[in-house]
Amino acid sequence: MWKDYGLMIYSPGGLDVKEGDIVMVEGRVKEYYGTTEIVVFKIETMGKKKVEPLSVEIKDIGERFEEALVSIEGIVKRIEKYSFVVSDGKETVRIYIKKGTGIKVNLKK
């Protein structure tokens, strides 16, 4: 059972869910450009829970946390159009903001 990780959900008709919803999803699991996703047939809201990111060290970032909500600490070292680089003094990680997510990041050089 998925407990601490995220999963890509694809629903051509859209999703009527809100942050914190606990859901049961029925669908077909497939790989899409290297990302495992579920193509939704049915989704049912089962309850609510406060969403908390997992605190992760930069050295531990990898496929294990792909699609997960995580928090890291570090200093922004470089800013690019759709990404920025963060360092904790030992390791670095590039943070991508997927175009179309609506996420607004106010980074100033």
Foldseek 3Di string as FASTA:
>chain_A
DDDQEAAAEDEPVDDDDDPFFDKDFDADWDADPNGIHGDGPDMDTDGGDHDDADEDEPVPDDPVHVRGRHDYDFDFDADDDFWTWGDNPPDIDIGGHDPPPPDDDDDDD
